[in-house]
Every structure is written in C-alpha cells, then in structure tokens.
N, C-alpha and C. Protein backbone atom coordinates (compact mmCIF):
# COMPACT_ATOMS: atom_id res chain seq x y z
N MET A 1 0.87 -1.16 0.00
CA MET A 1 0.00 0.00 0.00
C MET A 1 0.91 1.22 0.00
N CYS A 2 0.65 2.17 -0.86
CA CYS A 2 1.51 3.35 -0.94
C CYS A 2 1.28 4.25 0.26
N ARG A 3 2.27 5.10 0.52
CA ARG A 3 2.26 5.98 1.70
C ARG A 3 1.04 6.91 1.70
N GLU A 4 0.69 7.45 0.53
CA GLU A 4 -0.46 8.37 0.45
C GLU A 4 -1.76 7.65 0.81
N ARG A 5 -1.93 6.43 0.31
CA ARG A 5 -3.16 5.68 0.60
C ARG A 5 -3.23 5.36 2.09
N ALA A 6 -2.11 4.98 2.69
CA ALA A 6 -2.09 4.67 4.12
C ALA A 6 -2.48 5.90 4.92
N PHE A 7 -1.96 7.06 4.54
CA PHE A 7 -2.30 8.29 5.25
C PHE A 7 -3.78 8.61 5.09
N GLU A 8 -4.28 8.45 3.86
CA GLU A 8 -5.69 8.72 3.59
C GLU A 8 -6.60 7.79 4.40
N LEU A 9 -6.29 6.50 4.44
CA LEU A 9 -7.10 5.56 5.21
C LEU A 9 -7.01 5.85 6.70
N GLY A 10 -5.83 6.25 7.16
CA GLY A 10 -5.62 6.53 8.58
C GLY A 10 -6.43 7.69 9.09
N GLU A 11 -6.84 8.60 8.21
CA GLU A 11 -7.63 9.76 8.63
C GLU A 11 -9.12 9.46 8.74
N ARG A 12 -9.58 8.36 8.20
CA ARG A 12 -11.00 8.03 8.20
C ARG A 12 -11.44 7.44 9.53
N THR A 13 -12.73 7.58 9.81
CA THR A 13 -13.29 6.96 11.01
C THR A 13 -13.49 5.47 10.74
N ASP A 14 -13.70 4.72 11.81
CA ASP A 14 -13.95 3.29 11.67
C ASP A 14 -15.19 3.03 10.82
N VAL A 15 -16.23 3.80 11.06
CA VAL A 15 -17.47 3.62 10.30
C VAL A 15 -17.22 3.89 8.82
N ASP A 16 -16.45 4.95 8.52
CA ASP A 16 -16.14 5.25 7.12
C ASP A 16 -15.35 4.11 6.48
N LEU A 17 -14.42 3.54 7.23
CA LEU A 17 -13.63 2.43 6.70
C LEU A 17 -14.49 1.21 6.44
N LEU A 18 -15.42 0.93 7.36
CA LEU A 18 -16.29 -0.22 7.18
C LEU A 18 -17.19 -0.03 5.96
N ARG A 19 -17.72 1.17 5.81
CA ARG A 19 -18.54 1.46 4.63
C ARG A 19 -17.72 1.36 3.34
N ALA A 20 -16.47 1.85 3.40
CA ALA A 20 -15.60 1.77 2.22
C ALA A 20 -15.32 0.31 1.87
N HIS A 21 -15.14 -0.53 2.89
CA HIS A 21 -14.93 -1.96 2.65
C HIS A 21 -16.15 -2.56 1.95
N VAL A 22 -17.33 -2.24 2.45
CA VAL A 22 -18.57 -2.76 1.86
C VAL A 22 -18.70 -2.29 0.41
N ALA A 23 -18.23 -1.07 0.15
CA ALA A 23 -18.30 -0.52 -1.21
C ALA A 23 -17.21 -1.10 -2.12
N GLY A 24 -16.32 -1.90 -1.55
CA GLY A 24 -15.32 -2.57 -2.37
C GLY A 24 -13.94 -1.94 -2.35
N GLU A 25 -13.72 -0.99 -1.45
CA GLU A 25 -12.39 -0.38 -1.38
C GLU A 25 -11.38 -1.37 -0.81
N ARG A 26 -10.32 -1.54 -1.52
CA ARG A 26 -9.39 -2.65 -1.31
C ARG A 26 -8.76 -2.72 0.08
N TYR A 27 -8.26 -1.65 0.63
CA TYR A 27 -7.47 -1.71 1.86
C TYR A 27 -8.24 -1.25 3.10
N ALA A 28 -9.50 -0.94 2.96
CA ALA A 28 -10.26 -0.39 4.09
C ALA A 28 -10.36 -1.38 5.25
N PHE A 29 -10.68 -2.62 4.98
CA PHE A 29 -10.82 -3.60 6.07
C PHE A 29 -9.46 -3.87 6.72
N ALA A 30 -8.42 -3.89 5.93
CA ALA A 30 -7.07 -4.10 6.49
C ALA A 30 -6.71 -2.98 7.45
N GLU A 31 -7.10 -1.76 7.15
CA GLU A 31 -6.83 -0.64 8.05
C GLU A 31 -7.60 -0.80 9.36
N LEU A 32 -8.85 -1.26 9.27
CA LEU A 32 -9.63 -1.53 10.49
C LEU A 32 -8.92 -2.58 11.35
N LEU A 33 -8.44 -3.62 10.71
CA LEU A 33 -7.74 -4.67 11.46
C LEU A 33 -6.46 -4.13 12.08
N ARG A 34 -5.74 -3.30 11.34
CA ARG A 34 -4.51 -2.71 11.89
C ARG A 34 -4.82 -1.92 13.15
N ARG A 35 -5.91 -1.18 13.13
CA ARG A 35 -6.29 -0.36 14.29
C ARG A 35 -6.69 -1.19 15.50
N HIS A 36 -7.39 -2.28 15.27
CA HIS A 36 -8.02 -2.99 16.39
C HIS A 36 -7.46 -4.38 16.65
N ASN A 37 -6.47 -4.81 15.90
CA ASN A 37 -5.98 -6.18 16.01
C ASN A 37 -5.49 -6.51 17.42
N ASP A 38 -4.72 -5.62 18.05
CA ASP A 38 -4.20 -5.91 19.40
C ASP A 38 -5.33 -6.13 20.39
N HIS A 39 -6.32 -5.25 20.35
CA HIS A 39 -7.47 -5.37 21.26
C HIS A 39 -8.22 -6.67 21.00
N LEU A 40 -8.44 -6.99 19.73
CA LEU A 40 -9.21 -8.20 19.39
C LEU A 40 -8.44 -9.46 19.78
N TRP A 41 -7.12 -9.45 19.60
CA TRP A 41 -6.30 -10.60 20.00
C TRP A 41 -6.35 -10.78 21.52
N GLN A 42 -6.23 -9.70 22.25
CA GLN A 42 -6.30 -9.80 23.72
C GLN A 42 -7.67 -10.29 24.17
N THR A 43 -8.71 -9.85 23.50
CA THR A 43 -10.07 -10.32 23.80
C THR A 43 -10.17 -11.82 23.57
N ALA A 44 -9.65 -12.29 22.45
CA ALA A 44 -9.70 -13.72 22.14
C ALA A 44 -8.90 -14.51 23.17
N LEU A 45 -7.74 -14.01 23.56
CA LEU A 45 -6.92 -14.70 24.56
C LEU A 45 -7.64 -14.80 25.90
N ARG A 46 -8.28 -13.73 26.31
CA ARG A 46 -8.98 -13.71 27.61
C ARG A 46 -10.23 -14.59 27.59
N THR A 47 -10.83 -14.76 26.44
CA THR A 47 -12.08 -15.51 26.36
C THR A 47 -11.85 -17.00 26.15
N SER A 48 -10.72 -17.36 25.56
CA SER A 48 -10.44 -18.75 25.20
C SER A 48 -9.61 -19.44 26.28
N TYR A 49 -9.60 -20.77 26.22
CA TYR A 49 -8.81 -21.56 27.16
C TYR A 49 -7.37 -21.75 26.70
N THR A 50 -7.13 -21.75 25.39
CA THR A 50 -5.78 -21.96 24.88
C THR A 50 -5.47 -20.91 23.83
N ARG A 51 -4.18 -20.70 23.59
CA ARG A 51 -3.75 -19.77 22.53
C ARG A 51 -4.21 -20.26 21.16
N GLU A 52 -4.20 -21.58 20.98
CA GLU A 52 -4.62 -22.15 19.70
C GLU A 52 -6.09 -21.84 19.43
N ASP A 53 -6.93 -22.02 20.47
CA ASP A 53 -8.35 -21.70 20.31
C ASP A 53 -8.55 -20.21 20.09
N ALA A 54 -7.76 -19.38 20.77
CA ALA A 54 -7.86 -17.93 20.59
C ALA A 54 -7.54 -17.56 19.16
N ALA A 55 -6.46 -18.13 18.62
CA ALA A 55 -6.07 -17.82 17.24
C ALA A 55 -7.12 -18.29 16.25
N ASP A 56 -7.63 -19.49 16.45
CA ASP A 56 -8.66 -20.01 15.54
C ASP A 56 -9.94 -19.19 15.63
N SER A 57 -10.32 -18.84 16.85
CA SER A 57 -11.54 -18.05 17.05
C SER A 57 -11.41 -16.67 16.43
N LEU A 58 -10.25 -16.05 16.61
CA LEU A 58 -10.03 -14.72 16.02
C LEU A 58 -10.11 -14.80 14.50
N GLN A 59 -9.51 -15.82 13.93
CA GLN A 59 -9.58 -15.97 12.48
C GLN A 59 -11.03 -16.15 12.02
N ASP A 60 -11.79 -17.01 12.72
CA ASP A 60 -13.21 -17.20 12.39
C ASP A 60 -13.97 -15.88 12.49
N ALA A 61 -13.68 -15.13 13.56
CA ALA A 61 -14.39 -13.86 13.79
C ALA A 61 -14.08 -12.84 12.70
N LEU A 62 -12.83 -12.74 12.32
CA LEU A 62 -12.46 -11.75 11.30
C LEU A 62 -13.05 -12.12 9.94
N LEU A 63 -13.09 -13.40 9.64
CA LEU A 63 -13.76 -13.81 8.39
C LEU A 63 -15.24 -13.46 8.43
N SER A 64 -15.85 -13.70 9.58
CA SER A 64 -17.26 -13.38 9.73
C SER A 64 -17.50 -11.87 9.59
N ALA A 65 -16.66 -11.08 10.24
CA ALA A 65 -16.81 -9.62 10.15
C ALA A 65 -16.61 -9.15 8.71
N HIS A 66 -15.64 -9.72 8.04
CA HIS A 66 -15.37 -9.34 6.65
C HIS A 66 -16.59 -9.63 5.77
N ARG A 67 -17.19 -10.81 5.99
CA ARG A 67 -18.34 -11.22 5.17
C ARG A 67 -19.62 -10.46 5.51
N THR A 68 -19.80 -10.13 6.79
CA THR A 68 -21.08 -9.54 7.22
C THR A 68 -20.99 -8.04 7.45
N ALA A 69 -19.94 -7.40 6.98
CA ALA A 69 -19.76 -5.96 7.20
C ALA A 69 -20.96 -5.15 6.70
N GLY A 70 -21.60 -5.62 5.67
CA GLY A 70 -22.76 -4.91 5.13
C GLY A 70 -23.94 -4.87 6.08
N SER A 71 -23.97 -5.75 7.08
CA SER A 71 -25.08 -5.76 8.03
C SER A 71 -24.84 -4.83 9.21
N PHE A 72 -23.67 -4.21 9.30
CA PHE A 72 -23.38 -3.27 10.39
C PHE A 72 -24.31 -2.07 10.29
N ARG A 73 -25.02 -1.76 11.40
CA ARG A 73 -26.02 -0.69 11.38
C ARG A 73 -25.59 0.55 12.15
N ALA A 74 -24.37 0.62 12.59
CA ALA A 74 -23.83 1.79 13.30
C ALA A 74 -24.60 2.12 14.57
N GLU A 75 -25.24 1.12 15.18
CA GLU A 75 -25.90 1.34 16.47
C GLU A 75 -24.88 1.31 17.60
N ALA A 76 -23.71 0.79 17.31
CA ALA A 76 -22.61 0.73 18.28
C ALA A 76 -21.34 1.12 17.54
N GLU A 77 -20.26 1.28 18.28
CA GLU A 77 -18.97 1.55 17.67
C GLU A 77 -18.51 0.32 16.89
N VAL A 78 -17.74 0.53 15.86
CA VAL A 78 -17.21 -0.58 15.08
C VAL A 78 -16.36 -1.49 15.97
N ARG A 79 -15.57 -0.88 16.86
CA ARG A 79 -14.73 -1.67 17.77
C ARG A 79 -15.60 -2.58 18.64
N SER A 80 -16.73 -2.09 19.13
CA SER A 80 -17.63 -2.90 19.95
C SER A 80 -18.24 -4.03 19.12
N TRP A 81 -18.59 -3.72 17.90
CA TRP A 81 -19.15 -4.72 16.99
C TRP A 81 -18.13 -5.83 16.74
N LEU A 82 -16.89 -5.45 16.44
CA LEU A 82 -15.83 -6.44 16.23
C LEU A 82 -15.58 -7.25 17.50
N HIS A 83 -15.57 -6.56 18.64
CA HIS A 83 -15.36 -7.22 19.94
C HIS A 83 -16.42 -8.30 20.16
N ALA A 84 -17.67 -7.97 19.90
CA ALA A 84 -18.77 -8.93 20.10
C ALA A 84 -18.62 -10.13 19.16
N ILE A 85 -18.19 -9.89 17.94
CA ILE A 85 -18.00 -10.99 17.00
C ILE A 85 -16.90 -11.92 17.49
N VAL A 86 -15.82 -11.35 18.02
CA VAL A 86 -14.71 -12.17 18.53
C VAL A 86 -15.17 -12.98 19.74
N VAL A 87 -15.87 -12.35 20.67
CA VAL A 87 -16.35 -13.07 21.86
C VAL A 87 -17.28 -14.21 21.46
N ASN A 88 -18.19 -13.94 20.54
CA ASN A 88 -19.11 -14.99 20.09
C ASN A 88 -18.38 -16.13 19.42
N ALA A 89 -17.36 -15.83 18.61
CA ALA A 89 -16.58 -16.89 17.96
C ALA A 89 -15.85 -17.73 19.01
N CYS A 90 -15.33 -17.09 20.05
CA CYS A 90 -14.64 -17.83 21.13
C CYS A 90 -15.63 -18.72 21.87
N LEU A 91 -16.81 -18.19 22.18
CA LEU A 91 -17.81 -18.98 22.89
C LEU A 91 -18.30 -20.15 22.03
N ASP A 92 -18.44 -19.92 20.74
CA ASP A 92 -18.83 -21.02 19.84
C ASP A 92 -17.79 -22.13 19.88
N ARG A 93 -16.51 -21.75 19.86
CA ARG A 93 -15.44 -22.75 19.88
C ARG A 93 -15.43 -23.49 21.22
N ILE A 94 -15.67 -22.79 22.31
CA ILE A 94 -15.72 -23.44 23.63
C ILE A 94 -16.85 -24.46 23.66
N ARG A 95 -18.02 -24.07 23.12
CA ARG A 95 -19.15 -25.01 23.09
C ARG A 95 -18.81 -26.22 22.22
N ARG A 96 -18.19 -26.00 21.07
CA ARG A 96 -17.81 -27.12 20.21
C ARG A 96 -16.81 -28.03 20.91
N ASN A 97 -15.87 -27.44 21.62
CA ASN A 97 -14.86 -28.24 22.32
C ASN A 97 -15.47 -29.06 23.45
N LYS A 98 -16.54 -28.58 24.04
CA LYS A 98 -17.20 -29.35 25.09
C LYS A 98 -17.86 -30.60 24.52
N THR A 99 -18.38 -30.49 23.30
CA THR A 99 -19.04 -31.65 22.71
C THR A 99 -18.05 -32.65 22.16
N ARG A 100 -16.89 -32.18 21.73
CA ARG A 100 -15.84 -33.12 21.32
C ARG A 100 -14.53 -32.60 21.92
N ARG A 101 -14.05 -33.36 22.83
CA ARG A 101 -12.88 -32.98 23.60
C ARG A 101 -11.69 -32.74 22.69
N ALA A 102 -11.02 -31.62 22.89
CA ALA A 102 -9.85 -31.27 22.10
C ALA A 102 -8.64 -31.18 23.02
N LEU A 103 -7.52 -31.63 22.54
CA LEU A 103 -6.28 -31.56 23.28
C LEU A 103 -5.33 -30.61 22.56
N SER A 104 -4.57 -29.86 23.33
CA SER A 104 -3.58 -28.99 22.74
C SER A 104 -2.46 -29.83 22.18
N LEU A 105 -2.04 -29.53 20.97
CA LEU A 105 -0.96 -30.27 20.35
C LEU A 105 0.32 -29.44 20.30
N ALA A 106 0.40 -28.44 21.18
CA ALA A 106 1.62 -27.65 21.25
C ALA A 106 2.77 -28.55 21.68
N PRO A 107 3.93 -28.42 21.06
CA PRO A 107 5.05 -29.32 21.36
C PRO A 107 5.39 -29.40 22.84
N GLU A 108 5.31 -28.28 23.55
CA GLU A 108 5.67 -28.30 24.97
C GLU A 108 4.65 -29.03 25.84
N SER A 109 3.44 -29.21 25.34
CA SER A 109 2.42 -29.90 26.13
C SER A 109 2.32 -31.39 25.82
N MET A 110 3.02 -31.84 24.80
CA MET A 110 2.95 -33.23 24.41
C MET A 110 3.94 -34.06 25.22
N PRO A 111 3.48 -35.15 25.78
CA PRO A 111 4.42 -36.02 26.49
C PRO A 111 5.36 -36.70 25.50
N GLU A 112 6.52 -37.01 25.98
CA GLU A 112 7.47 -37.75 25.15
C GLU A 112 6.92 -39.15 24.90
N PRO A 113 7.04 -39.65 23.69
CA PRO A 113 6.55 -41.01 23.44
C PRO A 113 7.37 -42.02 24.25
N ARG A 114 6.67 -43.05 24.73
CA ARG A 114 7.36 -44.08 25.52
C ARG A 114 8.34 -44.86 24.67
N ASP A 115 7.92 -45.14 23.45
CA ASP A 115 8.82 -45.82 22.53
C ASP A 115 8.50 -45.34 21.12
N THR A 116 9.45 -45.42 20.27
CA THR A 116 9.22 -44.94 18.91
C THR A 116 8.46 -46.00 18.13
N ARG A 117 7.60 -45.53 17.24
CA ARG A 117 6.84 -46.44 16.39
C ARG A 117 7.53 -46.56 15.06
N ASP A 118 7.43 -47.71 14.50
CA ASP A 118 8.00 -47.84 13.17
C ASP A 118 6.95 -47.40 12.15
N GLU A 119 7.42 -47.09 10.98
CA GLU A 119 6.52 -46.59 9.93
C GLU A 119 5.47 -47.62 9.56
N MET A 120 5.81 -48.87 9.57
CA MET A 120 4.85 -49.91 9.20
C MET A 120 3.68 -49.94 10.17
N ALA A 121 3.95 -49.78 11.46
CA ALA A 121 2.87 -49.76 12.46
C ALA A 121 1.94 -48.58 12.20
N GLU A 122 2.50 -47.44 11.83
CA GLU A 122 1.66 -46.27 11.55
C GLU A 122 0.80 -46.50 10.31
N VAL A 123 1.38 -47.12 9.30
CA VAL A 123 0.61 -47.43 8.08
C VAL A 123 -0.51 -48.42 8.41
N GLU A 124 -0.20 -49.42 9.20
CA GLU A 124 -1.22 -50.39 9.58
C GLU A 124 -2.33 -49.73 10.38
N MET A 125 -1.97 -48.84 11.30
CA MET A 125 -2.98 -48.14 12.09
C MET A 125 -3.85 -47.28 11.19
N SER A 126 -3.25 -46.60 10.23
CA SER A 126 -3.99 -45.78 9.29
C SER A 126 -4.98 -46.63 8.48
N LEU A 127 -4.54 -47.82 8.07
CA LEU A 127 -5.41 -48.72 7.31
C LEU A 127 -6.59 -49.20 8.16
N VAL A 128 -6.32 -49.51 9.43
CA VAL A 128 -7.39 -49.95 10.33
C VAL A 128 -8.43 -48.84 10.50
N ILE A 129 -7.95 -47.63 10.70
CA ILE A 129 -8.87 -46.49 10.89
C ILE A 129 -9.63 -46.20 9.60
N ASP A 130 -8.94 -46.21 8.47
CA ASP A 130 -9.61 -45.99 7.19
C ASP A 130 -10.68 -47.05 6.93
N ARG A 131 -10.36 -48.30 7.23
CA ARG A 131 -11.32 -49.39 7.03
C ARG A 131 -12.56 -49.14 7.89
N ALA A 132 -12.35 -48.75 9.14
CA ALA A 132 -13.49 -48.47 10.03
C ALA A 132 -14.29 -47.29 9.51
N LEU A 133 -13.61 -46.24 9.05
CA LEU A 133 -14.29 -45.06 8.54
C LEU A 133 -15.11 -45.39 7.30
N PHE A 134 -14.54 -46.18 6.40
CA PHE A 134 -15.24 -46.50 5.17
C PHE A 134 -16.29 -47.59 5.34
N SER A 135 -16.36 -48.17 6.54
CA SER A 135 -17.44 -49.13 6.80
C SER A 135 -18.72 -48.40 7.22
N LEU A 136 -18.61 -47.11 7.48
CA LEU A 136 -19.79 -46.32 7.86
C LEU A 136 -20.67 -46.09 6.64
N PRO A 137 -21.97 -45.93 6.87
CA PRO A 137 -22.84 -45.53 5.75
C PRO A 137 -22.35 -44.18 5.19
N PRO A 138 -22.45 -43.98 3.90
CA PRO A 138 -21.91 -42.76 3.28
C PRO A 138 -22.42 -41.46 3.89
N ASP A 139 -23.71 -41.41 4.25
CA ASP A 139 -24.24 -40.16 4.82
C ASP A 139 -23.59 -39.85 6.17
N GLN A 140 -23.34 -40.88 6.98
CA GLN A 140 -22.67 -40.66 8.26
C GLN A 140 -21.21 -40.31 8.05
N ARG A 141 -20.56 -41.00 7.13
CA ARG A 141 -19.14 -40.74 6.87
C ARG A 141 -18.93 -39.32 6.38
N THR A 142 -19.75 -38.86 5.44
CA THR A 142 -19.55 -37.50 4.90
C THR A 142 -19.80 -36.45 5.97
N ALA A 143 -20.80 -36.67 6.82
CA ALA A 143 -21.06 -35.71 7.90
C ALA A 143 -19.89 -35.68 8.88
N LEU A 144 -19.42 -36.85 9.26
CA LEU A 144 -18.32 -36.95 10.22
C LEU A 144 -17.03 -36.34 9.66
N VAL A 145 -16.72 -36.63 8.42
CA VAL A 145 -15.52 -36.07 7.81
C VAL A 145 -15.62 -34.55 7.71
N ALA A 146 -16.79 -34.05 7.32
CA ALA A 146 -16.96 -32.60 7.21
C ALA A 146 -16.73 -31.90 8.55
N VAL A 147 -17.29 -32.46 9.62
CA VAL A 147 -17.21 -31.80 10.93
C VAL A 147 -15.91 -32.12 11.65
N ASP A 148 -15.56 -33.40 11.77
CA ASP A 148 -14.42 -33.78 12.61
C ASP A 148 -13.08 -33.75 11.89
N VAL A 149 -13.06 -33.97 10.58
CA VAL A 149 -11.79 -33.99 9.87
C VAL A 149 -11.53 -32.66 9.18
N GLU A 150 -12.52 -32.17 8.44
CA GLU A 150 -12.35 -30.92 7.71
C GLU A 150 -12.55 -29.69 8.58
N GLY A 151 -13.20 -29.84 9.74
CA GLY A 151 -13.35 -28.73 10.67
C GLY A 151 -14.50 -27.78 10.39
N TYR A 152 -15.45 -28.19 9.55
CA TYR A 152 -16.61 -27.34 9.30
C TYR A 152 -17.49 -27.33 10.55
N SER A 153 -18.17 -26.21 10.77
CA SER A 153 -19.15 -26.17 11.85
C SER A 153 -20.34 -27.02 11.42
N VAL A 154 -21.21 -27.34 12.36
CA VAL A 154 -22.40 -28.12 12.03
C VAL A 154 -23.24 -27.37 11.00
N ALA A 155 -23.37 -26.06 11.19
CA ALA A 155 -24.16 -25.25 10.25
C ALA A 155 -23.55 -25.27 8.85
N GLU A 156 -22.22 -25.14 8.79
CA GLU A 156 -21.54 -25.15 7.49
C GLU A 156 -21.68 -26.52 6.82
N ALA A 157 -21.52 -27.57 7.60
CA ALA A 157 -21.66 -28.93 7.05
C ALA A 157 -23.09 -29.15 6.55
N ALA A 158 -24.06 -28.65 7.30
CA ALA A 158 -25.46 -28.80 6.89
C ALA A 158 -25.70 -28.09 5.55
N ALA A 159 -25.17 -26.88 5.42
CA ALA A 159 -25.33 -26.14 4.17
C ALA A 159 -24.60 -26.85 3.03
N LEU A 160 -23.41 -27.34 3.33
CA LEU A 160 -22.59 -28.01 2.33
C LEU A 160 -23.27 -29.28 1.82
N LEU A 161 -23.88 -30.03 2.74
CA LEU A 161 -24.50 -31.31 2.37
C LEU A 161 -25.99 -31.18 2.07
N GLY A 162 -26.56 -30.00 2.28
CA GLY A 162 -27.96 -29.77 1.94
C GLY A 162 -28.95 -30.49 2.83
N VAL A 163 -28.62 -30.58 4.12
CA VAL A 163 -29.52 -31.22 5.09
C VAL A 163 -29.64 -30.33 6.32
N PRO A 164 -30.65 -30.54 7.16
CA PRO A 164 -30.78 -29.73 8.38
C PRO A 164 -29.62 -29.99 9.36
N GLU A 165 -29.35 -29.00 10.21
CA GLU A 165 -28.28 -29.12 11.21
C GLU A 165 -28.50 -30.32 12.12
N GLY A 166 -29.74 -30.57 12.52
CA GLY A 166 -30.03 -31.70 13.39
C GLY A 166 -29.64 -33.02 12.74
N THR A 167 -29.79 -33.11 11.43
CA THR A 167 -29.41 -34.32 10.71
C THR A 167 -27.90 -34.51 10.78
N ILE A 168 -27.15 -33.43 10.62
CA ILE A 168 -25.69 -33.51 10.72
C ILE A 168 -25.29 -33.97 12.12
N LYS A 169 -25.91 -33.39 13.14
CA LYS A 169 -25.58 -33.77 14.52
C LYS A 169 -25.86 -35.25 14.78
N SER A 170 -27.02 -35.73 14.32
CA SER A 170 -27.35 -37.13 14.58
C SER A 170 -26.47 -38.07 13.76
N ARG A 171 -26.16 -37.70 12.52
CA ARG A 171 -25.28 -38.55 11.70
C ARG A 171 -23.88 -38.64 12.33
N CYS A 172 -23.38 -37.51 12.81
CA CYS A 172 -22.05 -37.51 13.45
C CYS A 172 -22.08 -38.35 14.73
N ALA A 173 -23.13 -38.21 15.52
CA ALA A 173 -23.22 -38.97 16.76
C ALA A 173 -23.25 -40.48 16.48
N ARG A 174 -24.05 -40.87 15.50
CA ARG A 174 -24.13 -42.30 15.15
C ARG A 174 -22.80 -42.80 14.59
N ALA A 175 -22.16 -41.98 13.77
CA ALA A 175 -20.87 -42.37 13.19
C ALA A 175 -19.81 -42.51 14.27
N ARG A 176 -19.78 -41.57 15.21
CA ARG A 176 -18.78 -41.65 16.29
C ARG A 176 -19.02 -42.90 17.14
N GLN A 177 -20.28 -43.22 17.39
CA GLN A 177 -20.59 -44.41 18.19
C GLN A 177 -20.13 -45.67 17.45
N ARG A 178 -20.40 -45.74 16.15
CA ARG A 178 -19.99 -46.91 15.38
C ARG A 178 -18.47 -47.04 15.33
N LEU A 179 -17.79 -45.91 15.15
CA LEU A 179 -16.33 -45.95 15.13
C LEU A 179 -15.78 -46.38 16.48
N LYS A 180 -16.39 -45.90 17.53
CA LYS A 180 -15.95 -46.29 18.88
C LYS A 180 -16.07 -47.80 19.06
N GLU A 181 -17.19 -48.35 18.62
CA GLU A 181 -17.39 -49.80 18.73
C GLU A 181 -16.38 -50.56 17.88
N ARG A 182 -16.13 -50.07 16.66
CA ARG A 182 -15.23 -50.79 15.76
C ARG A 182 -13.75 -50.64 16.15
N LEU A 183 -13.42 -49.57 16.83
CA LEU A 183 -12.02 -49.32 17.17
C LEU A 183 -11.72 -49.50 18.66
N ASP A 184 -12.71 -49.99 19.41
CA ASP A 184 -12.52 -50.15 20.85
C ASP A 184 -11.36 -51.08 21.20
N PHE A 185 -11.09 -52.04 20.32
CA PHE A 185 -9.99 -52.98 20.58
C PHE A 185 -8.64 -52.26 20.67
N LEU A 186 -8.54 -51.04 20.11
CA LEU A 186 -7.28 -50.30 20.16
C LEU A 186 -6.97 -49.77 21.56
N ARG A 187 -7.96 -49.78 22.44
CA ARG A 187 -7.73 -49.33 23.82
C ARG A 187 -6.78 -50.27 24.55
N ASP A 188 -6.74 -51.53 24.13
CA ASP A 188 -5.83 -52.50 24.73
C ASP A 188 -4.41 -52.13 24.27
N PRO A 189 -3.53 -51.75 25.22
CA PRO A 189 -2.18 -51.32 24.84
C PRO A 189 -1.44 -52.34 23.99
N GLY A 190 -1.77 -53.61 24.09
CA GLY A 190 -1.10 -54.63 23.29
C GLY A 190 -1.46 -54.57 21.83
N ASN A 191 -2.53 -53.84 21.49
CA ASN A 191 -2.96 -53.75 20.08
C ASN A 191 -2.48 -52.49 19.39
N ARG A 192 -1.62 -51.70 20.03
CA ARG A 192 -1.22 -50.44 19.44
C ARG A 192 0.21 -50.44 18.92
N GLY A 193 0.78 -51.53 18.75
CA GLY A 193 2.08 -51.57 18.09
C GLY A 193 3.21 -51.49 19.02
C-alpha cells in the first residue's frame, strides 16, 4: 500500500472504513484490522482456554466480520461490533470443544513417546482407521468427515451437504458411536504396536 493511501485511510473513522470496505475499497478492512488487532487478539486470549483456540476463534471472527460488514447498522462503535463478533466466535469454539474434547498439540504440552513407532505400524494403524471409517454408511461418513476432519461447523456442514443441522448432529453422533465400537480394541495397549 503506498504511503499516500495509508495516510488517507488513517484519517477516516472506523465507520467510514467499514462502509468503504462494503463498497469494495481494497485496503479499508485491512486498516480496520490494523487499528483494532491488538485489542481483538487480547479479547480472544482472555475468552479462550488456549492460545490455539484464541487464534482459531479470532480468524473465524475476522472472516465473519469481513463477510457480514454490510449488516453493520452503526448502532454501536465498530470496535464494539468487532469485539462482540470475537467473543461470540470464542464462545462457539468453547461449546464445540465441550461436545468433542480437544487436546492442545503444542510441542511443549505433548508427552514424550514411551517408545518410537515404526513406519509400518503407523501405516497399519492408518489402514485400520480408514477401514473403520469407510465401513460407515456414506451419509454418516460424509457428515463426520466434514465436521471432525475438515473442521466445518455443524451449520456449514449442513449447508454443504444440503440437510438440516439436526441431521448432521445425529449422523455424526451415530458415526462416532460406530467408530468407537469398531475401534474399541485399540484401547488394549497390546494392540497399538
């Protein structure tokens, strides 16, 4: 962005920048983010349980704000509007994490492996899991893959697959139960390589 454009954008109010973004002005939303990014990041950190969830929630929130900027009605400050979107994204992620337990995969939080696995054992494990996954009915498998593997929200998966959200939830629940039954033998430490 050239120096003149940066100066010009810097003089505008938040509302003007949001309107310019909606009108298609290229750097307007980026300037809003530059102004409020520190506050929004701190909000996400304070609302989330982990830095990873905070980062993911902030990204979800900013995408949502970018897409829904046209619905902003100037009843509140732009900063407050962005703040609310970030908090809601964090709360959504917390609710999702409660329904399916997530573990932090940060290197410092991972225990050292007791013993190293050979590549063949990993390939065999992958084949066992793939076999179990592909034994599911296609409607359950596609719902489960969309939500648990691809990371789509239930609403996004429902829109993607053209079914109600409740259908996605029930298909995922049934698929998880079937996978649990088919892979329960892996709980025995002697079966894990």
